[in-house]
Structure formats: structure tokens, C-alpha cells
Amino acid sequence: MRRSSTKKTGQPASAAASLNSSASDLFRSASSKATSKELERIDQLFYTFADGSSGLIDPEGIETLCSDMEVDHTDVRILMLAWKMRAERQGYFTLDEWRRGLKSLRADNITKLKKALPELEKEVRRPSNFVDFHAYSFRYCLTEEKQKSIDIESICELLDLVLGSLYRAQVDYFIEYLKAQTDYKVINMDQWMGFLRFCNEISFPDFSNYNPELAWPLILDNFVEWMREKQG
């Protein structure tokens, strides 16, 4: 009669489980230590650029950061970096915002941060992210409490920065229109988002599928009318 192997197989199985558990604990411990060290380096990098009294990276610190990354401070990727951090105040990064962005980018030194910029740009350019980035770029420029609109001069600079590389012709003509018209002194979020939808959906420069009866901001109706007059 065959002997039962329950006792013999049960003990090694228990030992194996114990070994697996120990290995798993060691892995978690090593991973936790690595994460802790990475966060330490991210914090150290933050304080390299932060102002000693405010504890924030201020506009001067951002300029130094840009210089170290060999990127112009007007480069759109700096705005993308702010988006990645979900920075709330233009020209300033808090420690929590810095940690959020750099942990996500897996960058704990300047070299890694600089190398992460091309991938960050690809991430932002994805349609699902770009609408959010476009909205963020407007909110980021609202520097006063309860401010809901941006002056024409500033919006022209922002249009060029955010959309210029994607929709060069539309942006150039819209900027020309904004500078020539006298009806609008500021642009609000609805108009800002409407222009992105306009660039995505409307045939340019013939406007063959533009229907003013649809829910477009009035400023875009005026822009199309201005363009048609310009085209003769």
C-alpha cells in the first residue's frame, strides 16, 4: 500500500512559502530604501534651486534651473514641466509639486531631468493629455486672485508658445486678428478652449466646414468673417 506523502510534502511547502515571504519582504525593503534615497536626491536637487527664505523655487531659481538644463526659460517644455508638477502659481514650484513631477519623470538629478524632457513633450502631445495641458496653460497664467481672463498681448504670446508649433498658420492669423480688432481687450477660458477646438476641427484656410450657427464663441465668428474679407 502506498504511504501518504502529506506530512513529507506539507513541511517543505510551508518552508518554501516562508522563504518566498522572506524574499518578498527583502525586495520590498530594498525597494523602499531605493525610493527613499531617490526622494532624498529629488529633495536635495530642489534645495539647489530654492530660495532660502521662502523655501520655494522662485522665478530666479527657475531661470537657474533652465540654465543648468540648457533650455531657454521661454521654452514650452518648462510649461510642460509645470503641468507635470501640477504647479499652481506661475513662476514658483513648491517642494510637493517638485516631488510630484520628478518622481513621475524618474528624475533625481539634472542630467535625468534634461533627458526626460523629450518624453514629457511626447506625453503632453497625446490628444488625451493635450486638451488638459491647453486648459492648464491658461489657468497657470491667471496670476491675480479671482482673475478669469488674460489680456490680448499676453494671450498672443501664450498662443504662440502653446499652439504655434502645431497650428502655425491658424495661430499667426489669429494673433494678427487679435492685434487688429478693437472689440476684445481680454480672452476668457471658453474662448481659449474654443480656439483649440477650432484648430482641430475646422478646415483652414477655406473654413468650408465652419458653421456659425453651432456653439462657437462669438470671437471665432468674427475671426472667420475677418479672414474671409481678407481673402477677398
Protein backbone atom coordinates (compact mmCIF):
# COMPACT_ATOMS: atom_id res chain seq x y z
CA MET A 1 0.00 0.00 0.00
CA ARG A 2 1.34 3.45 -0.92
CA ARG A 3 2.32 5.59 2.01
CA SER A 4 0.73 9.02 2.39
CA SER A 5 3.06 11.83 1.40
CA THR A 6 1.03 14.50 3.16
CA LYS A 7 3.46 15.06 6.02
CA LYS A 8 6.54 14.98 3.81
CA THR A 9 5.19 17.40 1.20
CA GLY A 10 3.41 19.65 3.68
CA GLN A 11 6.54 20.70 5.56
CA PRO A 12 8.66 21.69 2.54
CA ALA A 13 5.68 23.62 1.10
CA SER A 14 5.47 25.59 4.33
CA ALA A 15 9.20 26.23 4.29
CA ALA A 16 9.04 27.32 0.64
CA ALA A 17 6.22 29.72 1.48
CA SER A 18 8.28 31.11 4.33
CA LEU A 19 11.29 31.57 2.02
CA ASN A 20 9.12 33.28 -0.60
CA SER A 21 7.70 35.56 2.06
CA SER A 22 11.19 36.45 3.30
CA ALA A 23 12.38 37.14 -0.25
CA SER A 24 9.34 39.29 -0.86
CA ASP A 25 9.97 41.23 2.36
CA LEU A 26 13.60 41.77 1.40
CA PHE A 27 12.58 43.01 -2.04
CA ARG A 28 10.02 45.39 -0.54
CA SER A 29 12.58 46.65 1.95
CA ALA A 30 15.21 47.20 -0.77
CA SER A 31 12.62 48.89 -2.99
CA SER A 32 11.51 51.13 -0.13
CA LYS A 33 15.12 52.11 0.62
CA ALA A 34 15.75 52.87 -3.07
CA THR A 35 12.60 55.01 -3.21
CA SER A 36 13.65 56.79 -0.05
CA LYS A 37 17.11 57.51 -1.48
CA GLU A 38 15.59 58.74 -4.75
CA LEU A 39 13.27 61.09 -2.85
CA GLU A 40 16.25 62.33 -0.84
CA ARG A 41 18.11 63.19 -4.05
CA ILE A 42 14.98 64.87 -5.50
CA ASP A 43 14.72 66.99 -2.35
CA GLN A 44 18.43 67.88 -2.49
CA LEU A 45 18.01 68.98 -6.09
CA PHE A 46 15.03 71.13 -5.10
CA TYR A 47 17.03 72.99 -2.47
CA THR A 48 19.77 73.63 -5.04
CA PHE A 49 17.34 75.98 -6.79
CA ALA A 50 15.04 77.04 -3.94
CA ASP A 51 15.18 80.42 -2.27
CA GLY A 52 16.45 80.02 1.30
CA SER A 53 13.90 82.35 2.90
CA SER A 54 10.71 81.37 1.06
CA GLY A 55 11.51 77.66 0.67
CA LEU A 56 10.21 77.85 -2.91
CA ILE A 57 11.82 77.71 -6.32
CA ASP A 58 11.05 81.24 -7.48
CA PRO A 59 11.46 82.88 -10.94
CA GLU A 60 15.19 83.35 -10.35
CA GLY A 61 15.52 79.70 -9.33
CA ILE A 62 13.62 78.60 -12.44
CA GLU A 63 16.00 80.62 -14.61
CA THR A 64 18.95 78.87 -12.95
CA LEU A 65 17.23 75.50 -13.47
CA CYS A 66 16.72 76.31 -17.15
CA SER A 67 20.35 77.36 -17.49
CA ASP A 68 21.54 74.10 -15.91
CA MET A 69 19.29 72.10 -18.27
CA GLU A 70 20.48 74.25 -21.21
CA VAL A 71 16.87 75.16 -22.02
CA ASP A 72 15.54 78.68 -22.56
CA HIS A 73 13.14 79.78 -19.82
CA THR A 74 10.56 80.60 -22.55
CA ASP A 75 10.72 77.03 -23.92
CA VAL A 76 7.27 75.38 -23.90
CA ARG A 77 8.79 72.34 -22.16
CA ILE A 78 9.19 74.41 -18.99
CA LEU A 79 5.43 74.97 -19.07
CA MET A 80 5.04 71.22 -19.66
CA LEU A 81 7.21 70.56 -16.62
CA ALA A 82 4.96 72.86 -14.56
CA TRP A 83 1.95 70.88 -15.89
CA LYS A 84 3.60 67.62 -14.84
CA MET A 85 4.13 69.03 -11.35
CA ARG A 86 0.59 70.48 -11.34
CA ALA A 87 2.19 73.73 -10.21
CA GLU A 88 -0.44 76.22 -9.09
CA ARG A 89 1.42 79.53 -9.11
CA GLN A 90 3.17 80.91 -12.16
CA GLY A 91 6.94 81.14 -11.73
CA TYR A 92 7.05 79.15 -8.49
CA PHE A 93 7.48 75.47 -7.59
CA THR A 94 6.77 74.12 -4.11
CA LEU A 95 8.59 71.08 -2.71
CA ASP A 96 5.44 68.92 -3.02
CA GLU A 97 4.96 69.97 -6.66
CA TRP A 98 8.64 69.31 -7.41
CA ARG A 99 8.46 65.86 -5.82
CA ARG A 100 5.28 65.00 -7.74
CA GLY A 101 6.78 65.93 -11.08
CA LEU A 102 10.26 64.49 -10.67
CA LYS A 103 9.08 61.21 -9.12
CA SER A 104 6.74 60.75 -12.09
CA LEU A 105 9.60 61.52 -14.50
CA ARG A 106 12.00 59.28 -12.52
CA ALA A 107 14.49 62.15 -12.49
CA ASP A 108 16.60 62.72 -9.38
CA ASN A 109 19.35 64.82 -10.96
CA ILE A 110 19.70 67.47 -13.66
CA THR A 111 21.01 65.04 -16.30
CA LYS A 112 17.98 62.75 -15.90
CA LEU A 113 15.61 65.71 -15.86
CA LYS A 114 17.07 67.08 -19.08
CA LYS A 115 16.84 63.62 -20.70
CA ALA A 116 13.21 63.31 -19.57
CA LEU A 117 12.06 66.42 -21.46
CA PRO A 118 11.61 64.78 -24.92
CA GLU A 119 9.44 62.02 -23.41
CA LEU A 120 7.50 64.60 -21.42
CA GLU A 121 6.81 66.50 -24.63
CA LYS A 122 5.55 63.30 -26.30
CA GLU A 123 3.29 62.65 -23.30
CA VAL A 124 1.80 66.16 -23.46
CA ARG A 125 1.27 65.97 -27.24
CA ARG A 126 -1.02 62.95 -26.91
CA PRO A 127 -4.55 64.17 -27.72
CA SER A 128 -5.91 62.89 -24.39
CA ASN A 129 -3.35 64.98 -22.49
CA PHE A 130 -3.08 68.00 -24.76
CA VAL A 131 -6.58 69.33 -24.05
CA ASP A 132 -5.76 69.24 -20.34
CA PHE A 133 -2.38 70.91 -20.94
CA HIS A 134 -4.03 73.61 -23.07
CA ALA A 135 -6.51 74.39 -20.27
CA TYR A 136 -3.73 74.26 -17.64
CA SER A 137 -1.58 76.73 -19.56
CA PHE A 138 -4.42 79.28 -19.39
CA ARG A 139 -5.05 78.74 -15.66
CA TYR A 140 -1.31 78.94 -14.95
CA CYS A 141 -1.28 82.48 -16.38
CA LEU A 142 -4.06 83.69 -14.09
CA THR A 143 -1.78 85.45 -11.63
CA GLU A 144 -4.33 87.52 -9.69
CA GLU A 145 -6.96 86.28 -7.25
CA LYS A 146 -10.37 85.81 -8.94
CA GLN A 147 -8.81 86.59 -12.35
CA LYS A 148 -10.75 84.86 -15.15
CA SER A 149 -9.34 86.39 -18.32
CA ILE A 150 -5.98 87.27 -19.89
CA ASP A 151 -5.08 90.45 -21.77
CA ILE A 152 -4.62 90.30 -25.55
CA GLU A 153 -0.87 90.89 -25.55
CA SER A 154 -0.25 88.05 -23.09
CA ILE A 155 -2.69 85.70 -24.85
CA CYS A 156 -0.87 86.25 -28.15
CA GLU A 157 2.40 85.17 -26.51
CA LEU A 158 0.68 82.16 -24.96
CA LEU A 159 -0.92 81.14 -28.26
CA ASP A 160 2.47 81.21 -29.94
CA LEU A 161 4.06 79.17 -27.13
CA VAL A 162 1.35 76.53 -26.70
CA LEU A 163 -0.11 76.11 -30.20
CA GLY A 164 2.42 77.72 -32.54
CA SER A 165 4.34 74.55 -33.34
CA LEU A 166 1.14 72.57 -34.06
CA TYR A 167 -1.04 75.09 -35.89
CA ARG A 168 1.37 77.70 -37.22
CA ALA A 169 -0.90 79.27 -39.87
CA GLN A 170 -4.02 79.41 -37.69
CA VAL A 171 -2.08 80.90 -34.77
CA ASP A 172 -0.33 83.52 -36.92
CA TYR A 173 -3.60 84.73 -38.47
CA PHE A 174 -5.49 84.64 -35.18
CA ILE A 175 -2.75 86.69 -33.48
CA GLU A 176 -2.88 89.17 -36.37
CA TYR A 177 -6.66 89.41 -35.95
CA LEU A 178 -6.45 89.84 -32.17
CA LYS A 179 -3.97 92.69 -32.54
CA ALA A 180 -6.05 94.39 -35.26
CA GLN A 181 -9.52 94.13 -33.67
CA THR A 182 -10.85 96.51 -31.02
CA ASP A 183 -13.85 94.58 -29.64
CA TYR A 184 -11.93 92.41 -27.19
CA LYS A 185 -9.38 93.52 -24.59
CA VAL A 186 -9.16 90.13 -22.86
CA ILE A 187 -9.71 86.43 -23.63
CA ASN A 188 -11.50 84.03 -21.28
CA MET A 189 -11.17 80.25 -20.84
CA ASP A 190 -14.16 79.45 -23.09
CA GLN A 191 -12.63 81.43 -25.97
CA TRP A 192 -9.19 79.90 -25.32
CA MET A 193 -10.52 76.34 -25.41
CA GLY A 194 -12.76 77.18 -28.37
CA PHE A 195 -9.75 78.15 -30.46
CA LEU A 196 -8.10 74.75 -29.84
CA ARG A 197 -11.30 73.01 -30.96
CA PHE A 198 -11.41 75.34 -33.97
CA CYS A 199 -7.84 74.32 -34.93
CA ASN A 200 -8.68 70.64 -34.52
CA GLU A 201 -11.98 70.63 -36.39
CA ILE A 202 -12.14 73.44 -38.95
CA SER A 203 -10.71 73.26 -42.46
CA PHE A 204 -8.16 76.06 -42.84
CA PRO A 205 -7.93 78.46 -44.59
CA ASP A 206 -11.15 77.82 -46.55
CA PHE A 207 -13.40 77.31 -43.47
CA SER A 208 -15.62 75.09 -45.62
CA ASN A 209 -16.99 73.21 -42.61
CA TYR A 210 -17.37 76.22 -40.30
CA ASN A 211 -20.97 76.76 -39.23
CA PRO A 212 -21.57 79.95 -37.19
CA GLU A 213 -24.92 78.52 -36.08
CA LEU A 214 -23.06 75.99 -33.93
CA ALA A 215 -21.87 76.85 -30.43
CA TRP A 216 -18.65 78.66 -31.30
CA PRO A 217 -17.50 81.65 -29.22
CA LEU A 218 -18.52 84.87 -30.98
CA ILE A 219 -14.89 85.92 -31.31
CA LEU A 220 -14.33 82.99 -33.69
CA ASP A 221 -17.32 84.00 -35.83
CA ASN A 222 -15.69 87.43 -36.06
CA PHE A 223 -12.31 85.92 -36.84
CA VAL A 224 -13.70 83.82 -39.72
CA GLU A 225 -15.54 86.86 -41.09
CA TRP A 226 -12.30 88.91 -40.86
CA MET A 227 -10.37 86.17 -42.66
CA ARG A 228 -12.92 85.93 -45.48
CA GLU A 229 -12.80 89.67 -46.00
CA LYS A 230 -9.01 89.48 -46.00
CA GLN A 231 -9.13 86.71 -48.63
CA GLY A 232 -11.43 88.86 -50.79
